[in-house]
Amino acid sequence: MASVRSVIICKSVHHQNTAKVARAIADVMHAEVVSPEDFPHASLERYDVVGFGSGIYYGVIHPALWDWVRGLRTDGVGRRSAFVFTTAGLPVLWRVWHGPLKADLTRTGFDIIGEFHCGGFDTWGPLWLTGGINRRHPSPQDLDRAAVFAQEVLKKCGSAREGSALPARRAQDV
């Protein structure tokens, strides 16, 4: 199977929880990790699969990632595979946070092929008085799960490529 060209658009601010997960995924996928502010929409054409990662801030995806996704034109993306991942102090609510982002990505032409979530160290508001929650997260086990997730994404991309869902590469692109 030819390699899958991948990029991860990630916003991680306070404790770099999401950045750690992004790096674990990127290491497996040989992906570039970029911030939404530094990645022009036109650059999407170079990638087969795009990861979207964010910490959860006040119950929502980071505004910079939202702005980037909402700035996409529905006719400019073409069909691309995507995955979503988040870290949060209360990771049990991940479906609530992923839903709107997945809906916007699907609207603009992405096929969502995977989701990942895990706890993240959180010192929001009064939590700092007690030292925060999920102090040791993402843990080594969380990062191992992220690496396994990345392998699953690659397998799905390979299956999609074989089924012609992803554009074939020209010889000079390889």
Foldseek 3Di string as FASTA:
>chain_A
DDAFAEEEAEDDPDPCQFVLLVVLLCVLNVYHYHHLVPDDPLVLVLGQEYEYEAEADPREGDVSSVVSLVPADLPRRAEHEYEYEYEYQPQVCVCVHVVVVVVSNVSSHYDYDYYYYYYDFDCPDPLVVVPTGPNCPPDPVSSVVSNVRSVVVRVVSVVCVVVVSTPDDDPVSD
